[in-house]
Amino acid sequence: METSTLNETAAVAAACRGDRKAFGCLVRSYQRRAYAVAYSFVGNREDALELAQESFVRAYRAMDRFDEGMPFYPWLYRIVRNTCLNHLKKRKRRGETSLDQMMDSGYDTKAQGRGPVEMAHLGDTKRAVHEAMASLSEDQREIIRLRHFLELSYAEIAKRLDIPQGTVMSRLHGARKSLRAAIERRQSELVNK
C-alpha cells in the first residue's frame, strides 16, 4: 500500500471514532474534488463552495455510520451529489436565479479584452450548452460531468457509478450525441428567429 493510502486509512478510522483533526485531514485531501463536483452541478463558485462545505458537515455527522472497509471518496461523492441535487430542487421550487448564471448568460459588465460581439457570442454559446445540458436526463448529465468537467477516466467513472467500463463508453456516447443534437436544435432556433 502507498503511504498516502495508509494515511487516509488511518485518518478515516480516527474520524469514524470522532477525531476532528483526522476528519480535517480528509477535508484538506478532498476539498478541491468536492468543490469541483459541486461546481459541475450548480455552475457558480459561491454555491459550489457552500455546498461542498455543507457536504463535509454532513459527512462528519455520518462518520459513525461509515463502513471503514469501503473507500472514502465514492461515499463523499454521493454526499456531495445528493446535497447538490437537493439544493437544485429547492432552488427550482422557489424559482431562484443565480447572479452568476445571469453573468454567465451575458448579463455581465464588459469583460476586459473582449468586444461586444465576442461577449454576445460567448453568452449565446454558454446559454446553448446550459440549456442543452438541462434537456438531458440526469444520468446523461452526470456522465458528461464526470468525464468532461471532472475529467475522470472511463475506469474511474465505472467505479464511481458501479457499472462496467463498456457501459460507461456507450452511455457517454449516447449523452454526447444527445447533447450535440440539443445544441444544434438551440442554434437552429436562434437562426430562425
C-alpha atoms as a PDB file:
ATOM      1  CA  MET A   1       0.000   0.000   0.000  1.00  0.00           C
ATOM      2  CA  GLU A   2       1.135   3.559  -0.648  1.00  0.00           C
ATOM      3  CA  THR A   3       1.875   5.877   2.261  1.00  0.00           C
ATOM      4  CA  SER A   4      -0.970   8.198   1.257  1.00  0.00           C
ATOM      5  CA  THR A   5      -3.389   5.261   1.291  1.00  0.00           C
ATOM      6  CA  LEU A   6      -2.165   4.218   4.734  1.00  0.00           C
ATOM      7  CA  ASN A   7      -2.530   7.788   5.987  1.00  0.00           C
ATOM      8  CA  GLU A   8      -6.040   8.025   4.550  1.00  0.00           C
ATOM      9  CA  THR A   9      -6.991   4.674   6.066  1.00  0.00           C
ATOM     10  CA  ALA A  10      -5.738   5.844   9.458  1.00  0.00           C
ATOM     11  CA  ALA A  11      -7.475   9.215   9.076  1.00  0.00           C
ATOM     12  CA  VAL A  12     -10.771   7.537   8.154  1.00  0.00           C
ATOM     13  CA  ALA A  13     -10.525   5.157  11.114  1.00  0.00           C
ATOM     14  CA  ALA A  14      -9.771   8.022  13.506  1.00  0.00           C
ATOM     15  CA  ALA A  15     -12.536  10.196  12.010  1.00  0.00           C
ATOM     16  CA  CYS A  16     -15.005   7.339  12.491  1.00  0.00           C
ATOM     17  CA  ARG A  17     -14.103   7.445  16.180  1.00  0.00           C
ATOM     18  CA  GLY A  18     -14.856  11.210  16.271  1.00  0.00           C
ATOM     19  CA  ASP A  19     -11.348  12.631  15.799  1.00  0.00           C
ATOM     20  CA  ARG A  20     -11.869  16.120  14.341  1.00  0.00           C
ATOM     21  CA  LYS A  21      -8.227  16.565  13.327  1.00  0.00           C
ATOM     22  CA  ALA A  22      -8.337  13.340  11.345  1.00  0.00           C
ATOM     23  CA  PHE A  23     -11.506  14.467   9.611  1.00  0.00           C
ATOM     24  CA  GLY A  24      -9.780  17.807   8.905  1.00  0.00           C
ATOM     25  CA  CYS A  25      -7.068  15.852   7.060  1.00  0.00           C
ATOM     26  CA  LEU A  26      -9.756  14.221   4.930  1.00  0.00           C
ATOM     27  CA  VAL A  27     -11.305  17.622   4.213  1.00  0.00           C
ATOM     28  CA  ARG A  28      -7.934  19.009   3.098  1.00  0.00           C
ATOM     29  CA  SER A  29      -7.372  15.966   0.890  1.00  0.00           C
ATOM     30  CA  TYR A  30     -10.757  16.154  -0.841  1.00  0.00           C
ATOM     31  CA  GLN A  31     -11.904  19.773  -0.675  1.00  0.00           C
ATOM     32  CA  ARG A  32     -10.915  20.578  -4.258  1.00  0.00           C
ATOM     33  CA  ARG A  33     -12.602  17.483  -5.646  1.00  0.00           C
ATOM     34  CA  ALA A  34     -15.752  18.152  -3.595  1.00  0.00           C
ATOM     35  CA  TYR A  35     -15.808  21.741  -4.878  1.00  0.00           C
ATOM     36  CA  ALA A  36     -15.347  20.550  -8.486  1.00  0.00           C
ATOM     37  CA  VAL A  37     -18.256  18.130  -8.149  1.00  0.00           C
ATOM     38  CA  ALA A  38     -20.480  20.809  -6.608  1.00  0.00           C
ATOM     39  CA  TYR A  39     -19.476  23.318  -9.276  1.00  0.00           C
ATOM     40  CA  SER A  40     -20.324  20.846 -12.021  1.00  0.00           C
ATOM     41  CA  PHE A  41     -23.859  20.648 -10.624  1.00  0.00           C
ATOM     42  CA  VAL A  42     -24.597  24.285  -9.754  1.00  0.00           C
ATOM     43  CA  GLY A  43     -22.328  26.198 -12.116  1.00  0.00           C
ATOM     44  CA  ASN A  44     -21.270  29.004  -9.802  1.00  0.00           C
ATOM     45  CA  ARG A  45     -18.437  29.497  -7.355  1.00  0.00           C
ATOM     46  CA  GLU A  46     -20.270  30.692  -4.243  1.00  0.00           C
ATOM     47  CA  ASP A  47     -22.946  27.997  -4.265  1.00  0.00           C
ATOM     48  CA  ALA A  48     -20.327  25.333  -5.018  1.00  0.00           C
ATOM     49  CA  LEU A  49     -18.169  26.422  -2.076  1.00  0.00           C
ATOM     50  CA  GLU A  50     -21.170  26.469   0.246  1.00  0.00           C
ATOM     51  CA  LEU A  51     -22.443  23.090  -0.937  1.00  0.00           C
ATOM     52  CA  ALA A  52     -19.016  21.472  -0.657  1.00  0.00           C
ATOM     53  CA  GLN A  53     -18.740  22.776   2.910  1.00  0.00           C
ATOM     54  CA  GLU A  54     -22.266  21.586   3.735  1.00  0.00           C
ATOM     55  CA  SER A  55     -21.377  18.170   2.315  1.00  0.00           C
ATOM     56  CA  PHE A  56     -18.358  17.882   4.596  1.00  0.00           C
ATOM     57  CA  VAL A  57     -20.539  18.782   7.584  1.00  0.00           C
ATOM     58  CA  ARG A  58     -22.990  16.046   6.578  1.00  0.00           C
ATOM     59  CA  ALA A  59     -20.142  13.589   6.095  1.00  0.00           C
ATOM     60  CA  TYR A  60     -18.687  14.398   9.527  1.00  0.00           C
ATOM     61  CA  ARG A  61     -22.063  13.851  11.170  1.00  0.00           C
ATOM     62  CA  ALA A  62     -22.394  10.491   9.390  1.00  0.00           C
ATOM     63  CA  MET A  63     -18.842   9.224  10.008  1.00  0.00           C
ATOM     64  CA  ASP A  64     -20.007   6.905  12.775  1.00  0.00           C
ATOM     65  CA  ARG A  65     -22.052   5.046  10.128  1.00  0.00           C
ATOM     66  CA  PHE A  66     -19.261   4.910   7.527  1.00  0.00           C
ATOM     67  CA  ASP A  67     -18.009   1.423   6.640  1.00  0.00           C
ATOM     68  CA  GLU A  68     -14.240   1.645   7.125  1.00  0.00           C
ATOM     69  CA  GLY A  69     -13.751  -1.212   4.674  1.00  0.00           C
ATOM     70  CA  MET A  70     -15.066   0.935   1.838  1.00  0.00           C
ATOM     71  CA  PRO A  71     -13.160   3.700   0.001  1.00  0.00           C
ATOM     72  CA  PHE A  72     -13.868   7.179   1.369  1.00  0.00           C
ATOM     73  CA  TYR A  73     -14.136   9.274  -1.803  1.00  0.00           C
ATOM     74  CA  PRO A  74     -17.032   7.458  -3.541  1.00  0.00           C
ATOM     75  CA  TRP A  75     -19.014   7.801  -0.293  1.00  0.00           C
ATOM     76  CA  LEU A  76     -18.162  11.520  -0.088  1.00  0.00           C
ATOM     77  CA  TYR A  77     -19.043  11.964  -3.777  1.00  0.00           C
ATOM     78  CA  ARG A  78     -22.542  10.576  -3.158  1.00  0.00           C
ATOM     79  CA  ILE A  79     -22.994  13.017  -0.264  1.00  0.00           C
ATOM     80  CA  VAL A  80     -21.877  15.989  -2.399  1.00  0.00           C
ATOM     81  CA  ARG A  81     -24.072  14.846  -5.287  1.00  0.00           C
ATOM     82  CA  ASN A  82     -27.158  14.448  -3.087  1.00  0.00           C
ATOM     83  CA  THR A  83     -26.524  17.792  -1.365  1.00  0.00           C
ATOM     84  CA  CYS A  84     -26.331  19.495  -4.769  1.00  0.00           C
ATOM     85  CA  LEU A  85     -29.427  17.763  -6.135  1.00  0.00           C
ATOM     86  CA  ASN A  86     -31.403  18.792  -3.032  1.00  0.00           C
ATOM     87  CA  HIS A  87     -30.162  22.365  -3.437  1.00  0.00           C
ATOM     88  CA  LEU A  88     -31.212  22.437  -7.097  1.00  0.00           C
ATOM     89  CA  LYS A  89     -34.674  21.061  -6.267  1.00  0.00           C
ATOM     90  CA  LYS A  90     -35.197  23.736  -3.594  1.00  0.00           C
ATOM     91  CA  ARG A  91     -33.952  26.475  -5.907  1.00  0.00           C
ATOM     92  CA  LYS A  92     -36.285  25.281  -8.671  1.00  0.00           C
ATOM     93  CA  ARG A  93     -39.281  25.244  -6.305  1.00  0.00           C
ATOM     94  CA  ARG A  94     -38.511  28.791  -5.182  1.00  0.00           C
ATOM     95  CA  GLY A  95     -37.800  29.990  -8.713  1.00  0.00           C
ATOM     96  CA  GLU A  96     -34.384  31.389  -7.828  1.00  0.00           C
ATOM     97  CA  THR A  97     -31.910  32.646 -10.391  1.00  0.00           C
ATOM     98  CA  SER A  98     -28.232  32.833  -9.560  1.00  0.00           C
ATOM     99  CA  LEU A  99     -26.432  36.102 -10.256  1.00  0.00           C
ATOM    100  CA  ASP A 100     -23.509  34.033 -11.537  1.00  0.00           C
ATOM    101  CA  GLN A 101     -25.808  32.311 -14.016  1.00  0.00           C
ATOM    102  CA  MET A 102     -27.069  35.689 -15.175  1.00  0.00           C
ATOM    103  CA  MET A 103     -23.484  36.893 -15.669  1.00  0.00           C
ATOM    104  CA  ASP A 104     -22.583  33.667 -17.489  1.00  0.00           C
ATOM    105  CA  SER A 105     -25.562  34.240 -19.764  1.00  0.00           C
ATOM    106  CA  GLY A 106     -24.345  37.665 -20.816  1.00  0.00           C
ATOM    107  CA  TYR A 107     -25.778  39.971 -18.131  1.00  0.00           C
ATOM    108  CA  ASP A 108     -22.295  40.997 -17.069  1.00  0.00           C
ATOM    109  CA  THR A 109     -20.316  44.162 -17.341  1.00  0.00           C
ATOM    110  CA  LYS A 110     -17.978  44.178 -20.299  1.00  0.00           C
ATOM    111  CA  ALA A 111     -15.079  41.800 -19.699  1.00  0.00           C
ATOM    112  CA  GLN A 112     -11.665  43.317 -20.320  1.00  0.00           C
ATOM    113  CA  GLY A 113     -10.235  42.492 -23.714  1.00  0.00           C
ATOM    114  CA  ARG A 114     -13.499  41.299 -25.231  1.00  0.00           C
ATOM    115  CA  GLY A 115     -15.669  43.263 -27.553  1.00  0.00           C
ATOM    116  CA  PRO A 116     -19.477  43.298 -27.524  1.00  0.00           C
ATOM    117  CA  VAL A 117     -19.750  40.868 -30.449  1.00  0.00           C
ATOM    118  CA  GLU A 118     -17.392  38.367 -28.808  1.00  0.00           C
ATOM    119  CA  MET A 119     -19.225  38.703 -25.466  1.00  0.00           C
ATOM    120  CA  ALA A 120     -22.585  38.164 -27.176  1.00  0.00           C
ATOM    121  CA  HIS A 121     -21.274  35.055 -28.952  1.00  0.00           C
ATOM    122  CA  LEU A 122     -19.794  33.712 -25.701  1.00  0.00           C
ATOM    123  CA  GLY A 123     -23.079  34.352 -23.897  1.00  0.00           C
ATOM    124  CA  ASP A 124     -25.032  32.570 -26.643  1.00  0.00           C
ATOM    125  CA  THR A 125     -22.688  29.595 -26.517  1.00  0.00           C
ATOM    126  CA  LYS A 126     -22.895  29.324 -22.719  1.00  0.00           C
ATOM    127  CA  ARG A 127     -26.671  29.585 -22.835  1.00  0.00           C
ATOM    128  CA  ALA A 128     -26.916  26.956 -25.564  1.00  0.00           C
ATOM    129  CA  VAL A 129     -24.733  24.494 -23.644  1.00  0.00           C
ATOM    130  CA  HIS A 130     -26.523  25.195 -20.346  1.00  0.00           C
ATOM    131  CA  GLU A 131     -29.960  24.708 -21.929  1.00  0.00           C
ATOM    132  CA  ALA A 132     -28.791  21.619 -23.809  1.00  0.00           C
ATOM    133  CA  MET A 133     -27.397  20.094 -20.592  1.00  0.00           C
ATOM    134  CA  ALA A 134     -30.696  20.834 -18.836  1.00  0.00           C
ATOM    135  CA  SER A 135     -32.577  18.948 -21.560  1.00  0.00           C
ATOM    136  CA  LEU A 136     -30.606  15.737 -20.926  1.00  0.00           C
ATOM    137  CA  SER A 137     -31.612  13.064 -18.451  1.00  0.00           C
ATOM    138  CA  GLU A 138     -29.909  13.162 -15.039  1.00  0.00           C
ATOM    139  CA  ASP A 139     -27.874  10.054 -15.961  1.00  0.00           C
ATOM    140  CA  GLN A 140     -26.648  11.721 -19.147  1.00  0.00           C
ATOM    141  CA  ARG A 141     -25.780  14.976 -17.342  1.00  0.00           C
ATOM    142  CA  GLU A 142     -23.893  13.065 -14.667  1.00  0.00           C
ATOM    143  CA  ILE A 143     -21.773  11.031 -17.058  1.00  0.00           C
ATOM    144  CA  ILE A 144     -20.865  14.176 -19.037  1.00  0.00           C
ATOM    145  CA  ARG A 145     -19.982  15.996 -15.789  1.00  0.00           C
ATOM    146  CA  LEU A 146     -17.773  13.137 -14.636  1.00  0.00           C
ATOM    147  CA  ARG A 147     -15.912  12.830 -17.951  1.00  0.00           C
ATOM    148  CA  HIS A 148     -15.704  16.428 -19.184  1.00  0.00           C
ATOM    149  CA  PHE A 149     -15.955  18.613 -16.079  1.00  0.00           C
ATOM    150  CA  LEU A 150     -14.156  16.390 -13.555  1.00  0.00           C
ATOM    151  CA  GLU A 151     -12.016  14.759 -16.268  1.00  0.00           C
ATOM    152  CA  LEU A 152     -12.291  11.256 -14.828  1.00  0.00           C
ATOM    153  CA  SER A 153     -11.110   8.252 -16.814  1.00  0.00           C
ATOM    154  CA  TYR A 154     -13.554   5.624 -18.044  1.00  0.00           C
ATOM    155  CA  ALA A 155     -12.310   3.275 -15.321  1.00  0.00           C
ATOM    156  CA  GLU A 156     -12.858   5.911 -12.612  1.00  0.00           C
ATOM    157  CA  ILE A 157     -16.370   6.627 -13.883  1.00  0.00           C
ATOM    158  CA  ALA A 158     -17.167   2.900 -13.987  1.00  0.00           C
ATOM    159  CA  LYS A 159     -16.029   2.546 -10.386  1.00  0.00           C
ATOM    160  CA  ARG A 160     -17.908   5.660  -9.261  1.00  0.00           C
ATOM    161  CA  LEU A 161     -21.178   4.608 -10.905  1.00  0.00           C
ATOM    162  CA  ASP A 162     -20.676   0.903 -10.220  1.00  0.00           C
ATOM    163  CA  ILE A 163     -21.187  -0.049 -13.869  1.00  0.00           C
ATOM    164  CA  PRO A 164     -18.952  -1.850 -16.425  1.00  0.00           C
ATOM    165  CA  GLN A 165     -16.480   0.292 -18.379  1.00  0.00           C
ATOM    166  CA  GLY A 166     -18.197  -0.637 -21.652  1.00  0.00           C
ATOM    167  CA  THR A 167     -21.462   0.746 -20.275  1.00  0.00           C
ATOM    168  CA  VAL A 168     -19.655   3.998 -19.430  1.00  0.00           C
ATOM    169  CA  MET A 169     -18.470   4.298 -23.019  1.00  0.00           C
ATOM    170  CA  SER A 170     -21.890   3.594 -24.513  1.00  0.00           C
ATOM    171  CA  ARG A 171     -23.682   5.937 -22.104  1.00  0.00           C
ATOM    172  CA  LEU A 172     -21.136   8.669 -22.744  1.00  0.00           C
ATOM    173  CA  HIS A 173     -21.522   8.211 -26.491  1.00  0.00           C
ATOM    174  CA  GLY A 174     -25.302   8.494 -26.193  1.00  0.00           C
ATOM    175  CA  ALA A 175     -25.075  11.503 -23.871  1.00  0.00           C
ATOM    176  CA  ARG A 176     -22.693  13.325 -26.222  1.00  0.00           C
ATOM    177  CA  LYS A 177     -24.956  12.577 -29.168  1.00  0.00           C
ATOM    178  CA  SER A 178     -27.991  13.923 -27.261  1.00  0.00           C
ATOM    179  CA  LEU A 179     -26.045  16.993 -26.154  1.00  0.00           C
ATOM    180  CA  ARG A 180     -24.887  17.719 -29.705  1.00  0.00           C
ATOM    181  CA  ALA A 181     -28.442  17.366 -31.024  1.00  0.00           C
ATOM    182  CA  ALA A 182     -29.809  19.673 -28.305  1.00  0.00           C
ATOM    183  CA  ILE A 183     -27.156  22.320 -29.053  1.00  0.00           C
ATOM    184  CA  GLU A 184     -27.872  22.102 -32.782  1.00  0.00           C
ATOM    185  CA  ARG A 185     -31.619  22.480 -32.117  1.00  0.00           C
ATOM    186  CA  ARG A 186     -30.933  25.537 -29.953  1.00  0.00           C
ATOM    187  CA  GLN A 187     -28.679  27.105 -32.601  1.00  0.00           C
ATOM    188  CA  SER A 188     -31.253  26.410 -35.291  1.00  0.00           C
ATOM    189  CA  GLU A 189     -33.933  28.114 -33.179  1.00  0.00           C
ATOM    190  CA  LEU A 190     -31.686  31.181 -32.762  1.00  0.00           C
ATOM    191  CA  VAL A 191     -31.007  31.393 -36.504  1.00  0.00           C
ATOM    192  CA  ASN A 192     -34.719  31.082 -37.378  1.00  0.00           C
ATOM    193  CA  LYS A 193     -35.794  33.874 -35.011  1.00  0.00           C
END
